[in-house]
Amino acid sequence: TAEGVQLCNFMHAALTDYLGRTGNWHDM
């Protein structure tokens, strides 16, 4: 459903935000 897709995207955005604030991205 549109609601389910949007909420799933929000959850992954919250994870991405959390990872950006608590760690560092780098090459593999």
mmCIF file of all heavy atoms, coordinates in Angstrom:
data_MODEL
# 
_entry.id   MODEL 
# 
loop_
_atom_site.group_PDB 
_atom_site.id 
_atom_site.type_symbol 
_atom_site.label_atom_id 
_atom_site.label_alt_id 
_atom_site.label_comp_id 
_atom_site.label_asym_id 
_atom_site.label_entity_id 
_atom_site.label_seq_id 
_atom_site.pdbx_PDB_ins_code 
_atom_site.Cartn_x 
_atom_site.Cartn_y 
_atom_site.Cartn_z 
_atom_site.occupancy 
_atom_site.B_iso_or_equiv 
_atom_site.pdbx_formal_charge 
_atom_site.auth_seq_id 
_atom_site.auth_comp_id 
_atom_site.auth_asym_id 
_atom_site.auth_atom_id 
_atom_site.pdbx_PDB_model_num 
ATOM 1   N N   . THR A 1 1  ? 0.849  -1.192 0.000  1.00 0.00 ? 1  THR A N   1 
ATOM 2   C CA  . THR A 1 1  ? 0.000  0.000  0.000  1.00 0.00 ? 1  THR A CA  1 
ATOM 3   C C   . THR A 1 1  ? 0.886  1.244  0.000  1.00 0.00 ? 1  THR A C   1 
ATOM 4   O O   . THR A 1 1  ? 2.059  1.189  0.404  1.00 0.00 ? 1  THR A O   1 
ATOM 5   C CB  . THR A 1 1  ? -0.912 0.045  1.242  1.00 0.00 ? 1  THR A CB  1 
ATOM 6   O OG1 . THR A 1 1  ? -0.092 0.147  2.415  1.00 0.00 ? 1  THR A OG1 1 
ATOM 7   C CG2 . THR A 1 1  ? -1.792 -1.194 1.329  1.00 0.00 ? 1  THR A CG2 1 
ATOM 8   N N   . ALA A 1 2  ? 0.334  2.365  -0.430 1.00 0.00 ? 2  ALA A N   1 
ATOM 9   C CA  . ALA A 1 2  ? 1.093  3.622  -0.448 1.00 0.00 ? 2  ALA A CA  1 
ATOM 10  C C   . ALA A 1 2  ? 1.565  3.980  0.965  1.00 0.00 ? 2  ALA A C   1 
ATOM 11  O O   . ALA A 1 2  ? 2.701  4.422  1.147  1.00 0.00 ? 2  ALA A O   1 
ATOM 12  C CB  . ALA A 1 2  ? 0.246  4.745  -1.030 1.00 0.00 ? 2  ALA A CB  1 
ATOM 13  N N   . GLU A 1 3  ? 0.687  3.762  1.950  1.00 0.00 ? 3  GLU A N   1 
ATOM 14  C CA  . GLU A 1 3  ? 1.049  4.049  3.337  1.00 0.00 ? 3  GLU A CA  1 
ATOM 15  C C   . GLU A 1 3  ? 2.206  3.160  3.810  1.00 0.00 ? 3  GLU A C   1 
ATOM 16  O O   . GLU A 1 3  ? 3.133  3.630  4.467  1.00 0.00 ? 3  GLU A O   1 
ATOM 17  C CB  . GLU A 1 3  ? -0.172 3.856  4.235  1.00 0.00 ? 3  GLU A CB  1 
ATOM 18  C CG  . GLU A 1 3  ? 0.069  4.175  5.692  1.00 0.00 ? 3  GLU A CG  1 
ATOM 19  C CD  . GLU A 1 3  ? -1.174 3.909  6.536  1.00 0.00 ? 3  GLU A CD  1 
ATOM 20  O OE1 . GLU A 1 3  ? -1.914 2.940  6.256  1.00 0.00 ? 3  GLU A OE1 1 
ATOM 21  O OE2 . GLU A 1 3  ? -1.401 4.685  7.478  1.00 0.00 ? 3  GLU A OE2 1 
ATOM 22  N N   . GLY A 1 4  ? 2.139  1.881  3.466  1.00 0.00 ? 4  GLY A N   1 
ATOM 23  C CA  . GLY A 1 4  ? 3.191  0.940  3.856  1.00 0.00 ? 4  GLY A CA  1 
ATOM 24  C C   . GLY A 1 4  ? 4.520  1.269  3.210  1.00 0.00 ? 4  GLY A C   1 
ATOM 25  O O   . GLY A 1 4  ? 5.570  1.241  3.859  1.00 0.00 ? 4  GLY A O   1 
ATOM 26  N N   . VAL A 1 5  ? 4.508  1.609  1.908  1.00 0.00 ? 5  VAL A N   1 
ATOM 27  C CA  . VAL A 1 5  ? 5.733  1.974  1.199  1.00 0.00 ? 5  VAL A CA  1 
ATOM 28  C C   . VAL A 1 5  ? 6.341  3.231  1.815  1.00 0.00 ? 5  VAL A C   1 
ATOM 29  O O   . VAL A 1 5  ? 7.548  3.294  2.076  1.00 0.00 ? 5  VAL A O   1 
ATOM 30  C CB  . VAL A 1 5  ? 5.453  2.193  -0.313 1.00 0.00 ? 5  VAL A CB  1 
ATOM 31  C CG1 . VAL A 1 5  ? 6.667  2.787  -1.014 1.00 0.00 ? 5  VAL A CG1 1 
ATOM 32  C CG2 . VAL A 1 5  ? 5.046  0.884  -0.968 1.00 0.00 ? 5  VAL A CG2 1 
ATOM 33  N N   . GLN A 1 6  ? 5.510  4.234  2.084  1.00 0.00 ? 6  GLN A N   1 
ATOM 34  C CA  . GLN A 1 6  ? 6.001  5.486  2.658  1.00 0.00 ? 6  GLN A CA  1 
ATOM 35  C C   . GLN A 1 6  ? 6.598  5.259  4.044  1.00 0.00 ? 6  GLN A C   1 
ATOM 36  O O   . GLN A 1 6  ? 7.677  5.760  4.349  1.00 0.00 ? 6  GLN A O   1 
ATOM 37  C CB  . GLN A 1 6  ? 4.883  6.516  2.743  1.00 0.00 ? 6  GLN A CB  1 
ATOM 38  C CG  . GLN A 1 6  ? 5.354  7.868  3.261  1.00 0.00 ? 6  GLN A CG  1 
ATOM 39  C CD  . GLN A 1 6  ? 4.238  8.887  3.327  1.00 0.00 ? 6  GLN A CD  1 
ATOM 40  O OE1 . GLN A 1 6  ? 3.078  8.532  3.520  1.00 0.00 ? 6  GLN A OE1 1 
ATOM 41  N NE2 . GLN A 1 6  ? 4.574  10.145 3.180  1.00 0.00 ? 6  GLN A NE2 1 
ATOM 42  N N   . LEU A 1 7  ? 5.930  4.487  4.876  1.00 0.00 ? 7  LEU A N   1 
ATOM 43  C CA  . LEU A 1 7  ? 6.438  4.223  6.223  1.00 0.00 ? 7  LEU A CA  1 
ATOM 44  C C   . LEU A 1 7  ? 7.740  3.427  6.173  1.00 0.00 ? 7  LEU A C   1 
ATOM 45  O O   . LEU A 1 7  ? 8.682  3.716  6.921  1.00 0.00 ? 7  LEU A O   1 
ATOM 46  C CB  . LEU A 1 7  ? 5.388  3.493  7.057  1.00 0.00 ? 7  LEU A CB  1 
ATOM 47  C CG  . LEU A 1 7  ? 5.704  3.309  8.535  1.00 0.00 ? 7  LEU A CG  1 
ATOM 48  C CD1 . LEU A 1 7  ? 6.047  4.633  9.205  1.00 0.00 ? 7  LEU A CD1 1 
ATOM 49  C CD2 . LEU A 1 7  ? 4.530  2.655  9.232  1.00 0.00 ? 7  LEU A CD2 1 
ATOM 50  N N   . CYS A 1 8  ? 7.831  2.459  5.282  1.00 0.00 ? 8  CYS A N   1 
ATOM 51  C CA  . CYS A 1 8  ? 9.059  1.680  5.121  1.00 0.00 ? 8  CYS A CA  1 
ATOM 52  C C   . CYS A 1 8  ? 10.206 2.608  4.695  1.00 0.00 ? 8  CYS A C   1 
ATOM 53  O O   . CYS A 1 8  ? 11.314 2.523  5.241  1.00 0.00 ? 8  CYS A O   1 
ATOM 54  C CB  . CYS A 1 8  ? 8.833  0.576  4.105  1.00 0.00 ? 8  CYS A CB  1 
ATOM 55  S SG  . CYS A 1 8  ? 10.178 -0.608 3.981  1.00 0.00 ? 8  CYS A SG  1 
ATOM 56  N N   . ASN A 1 9  ? 9.942  3.493  3.751  1.00 0.00 ? 9  ASN A N   1 
ATOM 57  C CA  . ASN A 1 9  ? 10.957 4.458  3.318  1.00 0.00 ? 9  ASN A CA  1 
ATOM 58  C C   . ASN A 1 9  ? 11.375 5.375  4.458  1.00 0.00 ? 9  ASN A C   1 
ATOM 59  O O   . ASN A 1 9  ? 12.562 5.691  4.611  1.00 0.00 ? 9  ASN A O   1 
ATOM 60  C CB  . ASN A 1 9  ? 10.453 5.274  2.129  1.00 0.00 ? 9  ASN A CB  1 
ATOM 61  C CG  . ASN A 1 9  ? 10.384 4.465  0.858  1.00 0.00 ? 9  ASN A CG  1 
ATOM 62  O OD1 . ASN A 1 9  ? 11.031 3.421  0.729  1.00 0.00 ? 9  ASN A OD1 1 
ATOM 63  N ND2 . ASN A 1 9  ? 9.579  4.918  -0.080 1.00 0.00 ? 9  ASN A ND2 1 
ATOM 64  N N   . PHE A 1 10 ? 10.408 5.828  5.279  1.00 0.00 ? 10 PHE A N   1 
ATOM 65  C CA  . PHE A 1 10 ? 10.731 6.668  6.435  1.00 0.00 ? 10 PHE A CA  1 
ATOM 66  C C   . PHE A 1 10 ? 11.634 5.936  7.421  1.00 0.00 ? 10 PHE A C   1 
ATOM 67  O O   . PHE A 1 10 ? 12.570 6.516  7.965  1.00 0.00 ? 10 PHE A O   1 
ATOM 68  C CB  . PHE A 1 10 ? 9.461  7.118  7.157  1.00 0.00 ? 10 PHE A CB  1 
ATOM 69  C CG  . PHE A 1 10 ? 8.741  8.252  6.503  1.00 0.00 ? 10 PHE A CG  1 
ATOM 70  C CD1 . PHE A 1 10 ? 7.373  8.373  6.665  1.00 0.00 ? 10 PHE A CD1 1 
ATOM 71  C CD2 . PHE A 1 10 ? 9.397  9.213  5.753  1.00 0.00 ? 10 PHE A CD2 1 
ATOM 72  C CE1 . PHE A 1 10 ? 6.679  9.425  6.081  1.00 0.00 ? 10 PHE A CE1 1 
ATOM 73  C CE2 . PHE A 1 10 ? 8.720  10.269 5.164  1.00 0.00 ? 10 PHE A CE2 1 
ATOM 74  C CZ  . PHE A 1 10 ? 7.349  10.370 5.333  1.00 0.00 ? 10 PHE A CZ  1 
ATOM 75  N N   . MET A 1 11 ? 11.344 4.645  7.655  1.00 0.00 ? 11 MET A N   1 
ATOM 76  C CA  . MET A 1 11 ? 12.160 3.875  8.599  1.00 0.00 ? 11 MET A CA  1 
ATOM 77  C C   . MET A 1 11 ? 13.599 3.743  8.092  1.00 0.00 ? 11 MET A C   1 
ATOM 78  O O   . MET A 1 11 ? 14.544 3.900  8.853  1.00 0.00 ? 11 MET A O   1 
ATOM 79  C CB  . MET A 1 11 ? 11.556 2.492  8.824  1.00 0.00 ? 11 MET A CB  1 
ATOM 80  C CG  . MET A 1 11 ? 10.273 2.508  9.594  1.00 0.00 ? 11 MET A CG  1 
ATOM 81  S SD  . MET A 1 11 ? 10.516 3.193  11.248 1.00 0.00 ? 11 MET A SD  1 
ATOM 82  C CE  . MET A 1 11 ? 8.819  3.338  11.744 1.00 0.00 ? 11 MET A CE  1 
ATOM 83  N N   . HIS A 1 12 ? 13.755 3.484  6.811  1.00 0.00 ? 12 HIS A N   1 
ATOM 84  C CA  . HIS A 1 12 ? 15.103 3.378  6.256  1.00 0.00 ? 12 HIS A CA  1 
ATOM 85  C C   . HIS A 1 12 ? 15.807 4.738  6.262  1.00 0.00 ? 12 HIS A C   1 
ATOM 86  O O   . HIS A 1 12 ? 17.019 4.807  6.473  1.00 0.00 ? 12 HIS A O   1 
ATOM 87  C CB  . HIS A 1 12 ? 15.064 2.754  4.862  1.00 0.00 ? 12 HIS A CB  1 
ATOM 88  C CG  . HIS A 1 12 ? 14.867 1.272  4.908  1.00 0.00 ? 12 HIS A CG  1 
ATOM 89  N ND1 . HIS A 1 12 ? 15.870 0.399  5.265  1.00 0.00 ? 12 HIS A ND1 1 
ATOM 90  C CD2 . HIS A 1 12 ? 13.773 0.504  4.696  1.00 0.00 ? 12 HIS A CD2 1 
ATOM 91  C CE1 . HIS A 1 12 ? 15.409 -0.835 5.252  1.00 0.00 ? 12 HIS A CE1 1 
ATOM 92  N NE2 . HIS A 1 12 ? 14.139 -0.797 4.906  1.00 0.00 ? 12 HIS A NE2 1 
ATOM 93  N N   . ALA A 1 13 ? 15.054 5.825  6.073  1.00 0.00 ? 13 ALA A N   1 
ATOM 94  C CA  . ALA A 1 13 ? 15.637 7.167  6.169  1.00 0.00 ? 13 ALA A CA  1 
ATOM 95  C C   . ALA A 1 13 ? 16.084 7.456  7.596  1.00 0.00 ? 13 ALA A C   1 
ATOM 96  O O   . ALA A 1 13 ? 17.141 8.058  7.813  1.00 0.00 ? 13 ALA A O   1 
ATOM 97  C CB  . ALA A 1 13 ? 14.630 8.213  5.697  1.00 0.00 ? 13 ALA A CB  1 
ATOM 98  N N   . ALA A 1 14 ? 15.303 7.012  8.576  1.00 0.00 ? 14 ALA A N   1 
ATOM 99  C CA  . ALA A 1 14 ? 15.687 7.190  9.985  1.00 0.00 ? 14 ALA A CA  1 
ATOM 100 C C   . ALA A 1 14 ? 16.970 6.415  10.282 1.00 0.00 ? 14 ALA A C   1 
ATOM 101 O O   . ALA A 1 14 ? 17.853 6.904  10.995 1.00 0.00 ? 14 ALA A O   1 
ATOM 102 C CB  . ALA A 1 14 ? 14.560 6.738  10.906 1.00 0.00 ? 14 ALA A CB  1 
ATOM 103 N N   . LEU A 1 15 ? 17.099 5.211  9.722  1.00 0.00 ? 15 LEU A N   1 
ATOM 104 C CA  . LEU A 1 15 ? 18.322 4.424  9.894  1.00 0.00 ? 15 LEU A CA  1 
ATOM 105 C C   . LEU A 1 15 ? 19.508 5.136  9.246  1.00 0.00 ? 15 LEU A C   1 
ATOM 106 O O   . LEU A 1 15 ? 20.578 5.247  9.852  1.00 0.00 ? 15 LEU A O   1 
ATOM 107 C CB  . LEU A 1 15 ? 18.153 3.030  9.295  1.00 0.00 ? 15 LEU A CB  1 
ATOM 108 C CG  . LEU A 1 15 ? 19.412 2.151  9.278  1.00 0.00 ? 15 LEU A CG  1 
ATOM 109 C CD1 . LEU A 1 15 ? 19.883 1.851  10.693 1.00 0.00 ? 15 LEU A CD1 1 
ATOM 110 C CD2 . LEU A 1 15 ? 19.157 0.865  8.504  1.00 0.00 ? 15 LEU A CD2 1 
ATOM 111 N N   . THR A 1 16 ? 19.328 5.627  8.033  1.00 0.00 ? 16 THR A N   1 
ATOM 112 C CA  . THR A 1 16 ? 20.404 6.337  7.335  1.00 0.00 ? 16 THR A CA  1 
ATOM 113 C C   . THR A 1 16 ? 20.841 7.567  8.124  1.00 0.00 ? 16 THR A C   1 
ATOM 114 O O   . THR A 1 16 ? 22.033 7.829  8.270  1.00 0.00 ? 16 THR A O   1 
ATOM 115 C CB  . THR A 1 16 ? 19.945 6.743  5.917  1.00 0.00 ? 16 THR A CB  1 
ATOM 116 O OG1 . THR A 1 16 ? 19.596 5.551  5.213  1.00 0.00 ? 16 THR A OG1 1 
ATOM 117 C CG2 . THR A 1 16 ? 21.032 7.480  5.171  1.00 0.00 ? 16 THR A CG2 1 
ATOM 118 N N   . ASP A 1 17 ? 19.877 8.307  8.648  1.00 0.00 ? 17 ASP A N   1 
ATOM 119 C CA  . ASP A 1 17 ? 20.190 9.481  9.472  1.00 0.00 ? 17 ASP A CA  1 
ATOM 120 C C   . ASP A 1 17 ? 20.966 9.074  10.717 1.00 0.00 ? 17 ASP A C   1 
ATOM 121 O O   . ASP A 1 17 ? 21.975 9.688  11.068 1.00 0.00 ? 17 ASP A O   1 
ATOM 122 C CB  . ASP A 1 17 ? 18.895 10.198 9.853  1.00 0.00 ? 17 ASP A CB  1 
ATOM 123 C CG  . ASP A 1 17 ? 19.142 11.394 10.742 1.00 0.00 ? 17 ASP A CG  1 
ATOM 124 O OD1 . ASP A 1 17 ? 19.753 12.372 10.257 1.00 0.00 ? 17 ASP A OD1 1 
ATOM 125 O OD2 . ASP A 1 17 ? 18.740 11.352 11.927 1.00 0.00 ? 17 ASP A OD2 1 
ATOM 126 N N   . TYR A 1 18 ? 20.511 8.018  11.382 1.00 0.00 ? 18 TYR A N   1 
ATOM 127 C CA  . TYR A 1 18 ? 21.183 7.523  12.582 1.00 0.00 ? 18 TYR A CA  1 
ATOM 128 C C   . TYR A 1 18 ? 22.629 7.130  12.276 1.00 0.00 ? 18 TYR A C   1 
ATOM 129 O O   . TYR A 1 18 ? 23.558 7.504  12.990 1.00 0.00 ? 18 TYR A O   1 
ATOM 130 C CB  . TYR A 1 18 ? 20.412 6.324  13.149 1.00 0.00 ? 18 TYR A CB  1 
ATOM 131 C CG  . TYR A 1 18 ? 21.140 5.603  14.255 1.00 0.00 ? 18 TYR A CG  1 
ATOM 132 C CD1 . TYR A 1 18 ? 21.108 6.092  15.558 1.00 0.00 ? 18 TYR A CD1 1 
ATOM 133 C CD2 . TYR A 1 18 ? 21.881 4.447  14.003 1.00 0.00 ? 18 TYR A CD2 1 
ATOM 134 C CE1 . TYR A 1 18 ? 21.784 5.440  16.576 1.00 0.00 ? 18 TYR A CE1 1 
ATOM 135 C CE2 . TYR A 1 18 ? 22.549 3.793  15.012 1.00 0.00 ? 18 TYR A CE2 1 
ATOM 136 C CZ  . TYR A 1 18 ? 22.501 4.293  16.300 1.00 0.00 ? 18 TYR A CZ  1 
ATOM 137 O OH  . TYR A 1 18 ? 23.181 3.656  17.306 1.00 0.00 ? 18 TYR A OH  1 
ATOM 138 N N   . LEU A 1 19 ? 22.829 6.388  11.190 1.00 0.00 ? 19 LEU A N   1 
ATOM 139 C CA  . LEU A 1 19 ? 24.175 5.943  10.832 1.00 0.00 ? 19 LEU A CA  1 
ATOM 140 C C   . LEU A 1 19 ? 25.079 7.132  10.497 1.00 0.00 ? 19 LEU A C   1 
ATOM 141 O O   . LEU A 1 19 ? 26.260 7.134  10.851 1.00 0.00 ? 19 LEU A O   1 
ATOM 142 C CB  . LEU A 1 19 ? 24.121 4.962  9.657  1.00 0.00 ? 19 LEU A CB  1 
ATOM 143 C CG  . LEU A 1 19 ? 23.426 3.634  9.941  1.00 0.00 ? 19 LEU A CG  1 
ATOM 144 C CD1 . LEU A 1 19 ? 23.311 2.817  8.664  1.00 0.00 ? 19 LEU A CD1 1 
ATOM 145 C CD2 . LEU A 1 19 ? 24.138 2.862  11.030 1.00 0.00 ? 19 LEU A CD2 1 
ATOM 146 N N   . GLY A 1 20 ? 24.527 8.140  9.829  1.00 0.00 ? 20 GLY A N   1 
ATOM 147 C CA  . GLY A 1 20 ? 25.312 9.321  9.489  1.00 0.00 ? 20 GLY A CA  1 
ATOM 148 C C   . GLY A 1 20 ? 25.757 10.118 10.705 1.00 0.00 ? 20 GLY A C   1 
ATOM 149 O O   . GLY A 1 20 ? 26.829 10.725 10.704 1.00 0.00 ? 20 GLY A O   1 
ATOM 150 N N   . ARG A 1 21 ? 24.934 10.103 11.758 1.00 0.00 ? 21 ARG A N   1 
ATOM 151 C CA  . ARG A 1 21 ? 25.279 10.852 12.971 1.00 0.00 ? 21 ARG A CA  1 
ATOM 152 C C   . ARG A 1 21 ? 26.136 10.069 13.955 1.00 0.00 ? 21 ARG A C   1 
ATOM 153 O O   . ARG A 1 21 ? 26.773 10.662 14.817 1.00 0.00 ? 21 ARG A O   1 
ATOM 154 C CB  . ARG A 1 21 ? 24.011 11.336 13.667 1.00 0.00 ? 21 ARG A CB  1 
ATOM 155 C CG  . ARG A 1 21 ? 23.331 12.477 12.917 1.00 0.00 ? 21 ARG A CG  1 
ATOM 156 C CD  . ARG A 1 21 ? 22.106 13.039 13.615 1.00 0.00 ? 21 ARG A CD  1 
ATOM 157 N NE  . ARG A 1 21 ? 21.012 12.060 13.644 1.00 0.00 ? 21 ARG A NE  1 
ATOM 158 C CZ  . ARG A 1 21 ? 20.692 11.297 14.689 1.00 0.00 ? 21 ARG A CZ  1 
ATOM 159 N NH1 . ARG A 1 21 ? 21.341 11.397 15.801 1.00 0.00 ? 21 ARG A NH1 1 
ATOM 160 N NH2 . ARG A 1 21 ? 19.712 10.439 14.618 1.00 0.00 ? 21 ARG A NH2 1 
ATOM 161 N N   . THR A 1 22 ? 26.175 8.748  13.836 1.00 0.00 ? 22 THR A N   1 
ATOM 162 C CA  . THR A 1 22 ? 26.876 7.945  14.844 1.00 0.00 ? 22 THR A CA  1 
ATOM 163 C C   . THR A 1 22 ? 28.101 7.201  14.310 1.00 0.00 ? 22 THR A C   1 
ATOM 164 O O   . THR A 1 22 ? 28.717 6.445  15.048 1.00 0.00 ? 22 THR A O   1 
ATOM 165 C CB  . THR A 1 22 ? 25.925 6.921  15.482 1.00 0.00 ? 22 THR A CB  1 
ATOM 166 O OG1 . THR A 1 22 ? 25.414 6.058  14.456 1.00 0.00 ? 22 THR A OG1 1 
ATOM 167 C CG2 . THR A 1 22 ? 24.780 7.609  16.199 1.00 0.00 ? 22 THR A CG2 1 
ATOM 168 N N   . GLY A 1 23 ? 28.433 7.401  13.045 1.00 0.00 ? 23 GLY A N   1 
ATOM 169 C CA  . GLY A 1 23 ? 29.583 6.698  12.481 1.00 0.00 ? 23 GLY A CA  1 
ATOM 170 C C   . GLY A 1 23 ? 30.103 7.374  11.235 1.00 0.00 ? 23 GLY A C   1 
ATOM 171 O O   . GLY A 1 23 ? 29.657 8.462  10.867 1.00 0.00 ? 23 GLY A O   1 
ATOM 172 N N   . ASN A 1 24 ? 31.058 6.727  10.602 1.00 0.00 ? 24 ASN A N   1 
ATOM 173 C CA  . ASN A 1 24 ? 31.697 7.270  9.401  1.00 0.00 ? 24 ASN A CA  1 
ATOM 174 C C   . ASN A 1 24 ? 31.640 6.257  8.266  1.00 0.00 ? 24 ASN A C   1 
ATOM 175 O O   . ASN A 1 24 ? 31.987 5.088  8.441  1.00 0.00 ? 24 ASN A O   1 
ATOM 176 C CB  . ASN A 1 24 ? 33.165 7.605  9.684  1.00 0.00 ? 24 ASN A CB  1 
ATOM 177 C CG  . ASN A 1 24 ? 33.308 8.642  10.769 1.00 0.00 ? 24 ASN A CG  1 
ATOM 178 O OD1 . ASN A 1 24 ? 32.678 9.679  10.727 1.00 0.00 ? 24 ASN A OD1 1 
ATOM 179 N ND2 . ASN A 1 24 ? 34.133 8.351  11.765 1.00 0.00 ? 24 ASN A ND2 1 
ATOM 180 N N   . TRP A 1 25 ? 31.209 6.718  7.095  1.00 0.00 ? 25 TRP A N   1 
ATOM 181 C CA  . TRP A 1 25 ? 31.203 5.897  5.884  1.00 0.00 ? 25 TRP A CA  1 
ATOM 182 C C   . TRP A 1 25 ? 32.576 5.969  5.229  1.00 0.00 ? 25 TRP A C   1 
ATOM 183 O O   . TRP A 1 25 ? 33.242 7.000  5.285  1.00 0.00 ? 25 TRP A O   1 
ATOM 184 C CB  . TRP A 1 25 ? 30.142 6.395  4.896  1.00 0.00 ? 25 TRP A CB  1 
ATOM 185 C CG  . TRP A 1 25 ? 28.757 6.183  5.397  1.00 0.00 ? 25 TRP A CG  1 
ATOM 186 C CD1 . TRP A 1 25 ? 27.947 7.114  5.991  1.00 0.00 ? 25 TRP A CD1 1 
ATOM 187 C CD2 . TRP A 1 25 ? 28.008 4.976  5.377  1.00 0.00 ? 25 TRP A CD2 1 
ATOM 188 N NE1 . TRP A 1 25 ? 26.747 6.555  6.337  1.00 0.00 ? 25 TRP A NE1 1 
ATOM 189 C CE2 . TRP A 1 25 ? 26.755 5.241  5.967  1.00 0.00 ? 25 TRP A CE2 1 
ATOM 190 C CE3 . TRP A 1 25 ? 28.272 3.692  4.914  1.00 0.00 ? 25 TRP A CE3 1 
ATOM 191 C CZ2 . TRP A 1 25 ? 25.773 4.264  6.108  1.00 0.00 ? 25 TRP A CZ2 1 
ATOM 192 C CZ3 . TRP A 1 25 ? 27.284 2.731  5.047  1.00 0.00 ? 25 TRP A CZ3 1 
ATOM 193 C CH2 . TRP A 1 25 ? 26.059 3.010  5.636  1.00 0.00 ? 25 TRP A CH2 1 
ATOM 194 N N   . HIS A 1 26 ? 33.008 4.888  4.619  1.00 0.00 ? 26 HIS A N   1 
ATOM 195 C CA  . HIS A 1 26 ? 34.313 4.848  3.959  1.00 0.00 ? 26 HIS A CA  1 
ATOM 196 C C   . HIS A 1 26 ? 34.311 3.753  2.908  1.00 0.00 ? 26 HIS A C   1 
ATOM 197 O O   . HIS A 1 26 ? 33.331 3.001  2.769  1.00 0.00 ? 26 HIS A O   1 
ATOM 198 C CB  . HIS A 1 26 ? 35.436 4.623  4.978  1.00 0.00 ? 26 HIS A CB  1 
ATOM 199 C CG  . HIS A 1 26 ? 35.165 3.483  5.920  1.00 0.00 ? 26 HIS A CG  1 
ATOM 200 N ND1 . HIS A 1 26 ? 35.231 2.163  5.542  1.00 0.00 ? 26 HIS A ND1 1 
ATOM 201 C CD2 . HIS A 1 26 ? 34.805 3.488  7.227  1.00 0.00 ? 26 HIS A CD2 1 
ATOM 202 C CE1 . HIS A 1 26 ? 34.947 1.399  6.580  1.00 0.00 ? 26 HIS A CE1 1 
ATOM 203 N NE2 . HIS A 1 26 ? 34.666 2.174  7.618  1.00 0.00 ? 26 HIS A NE2 1 
ATOM 204 N N   . ASP A 1 27 ? 35.402 3.627  2.162  1.00 0.00 ? 27 ASP A N   1 
ATOM 205 C CA  . ASP A 1 27 ? 35.524 2.547  1.185  1.00 0.00 ? 27 ASP A CA  1 
ATOM 206 C C   . ASP A 1 27 ? 35.482 1.203  1.904  1.00 0.00 ? 27 ASP A C   1 
ATOM 207 O O   . ASP A 1 27 ? 35.808 1.103  3.097  1.00 0.00 ? 27 ASP A O   1 
ATOM 208 C CB  . ASP A 1 27 ? 36.837 2.667  0.404  1.00 0.00 ? 27 ASP A CB  1 
ATOM 209 C CG  . ASP A 1 27 ? 36.841 3.853  -0.546 1.00 0.00 ? 27 ASP A CG  1 
ATOM 210 O OD1 . ASP A 1 27 ? 35.741 4.295  -0.949 1.00 0.00 ? 27 ASP A OD1 1 
ATOM 211 O OD2 . ASP A 1 27 ? 37.933 4.337  -0.871 1.00 0.00 ? 27 ASP A OD2 1 
ATOM 212 N N   . MET A 1 28 ? 35.100 0.182  1.187  1.00 0.00 ? 28 MET A N   1 
ATOM 213 C CA  . MET A 1 28 ? 34.971 -1.168 1.751  1.00 0.00 ? 28 MET A CA  1 
ATOM 214 C C   . MET A 1 28 ? 36.305 -1.635 2.347  1.00 0.00 ? 28 MET A C   1 
ATOM 215 O O   . MET A 1 28 ? 37.354 -1.490 1.733  1.00 0.00 ? 28 MET A O   1 
ATOM 216 C CB  . MET A 1 28 ? 34.528 -2.145 0.659  1.00 0.00 ? 28 MET A CB  1 
ATOM 217 C CG  . MET A 1 28 ? 34.167 -3.513 1.170  1.00 0.00 ? 28 MET A CG  1 
ATOM 218 S SD  . MET A 1 28 ? 32.730 -3.557 2.251  1.00 0.00 ? 28 MET A SD  1 
ATOM 219 C CE  . MET A 1 28 ? 31.430 -3.099 1.133  1.00 0.00 ? 28 MET A CE  1 
# 
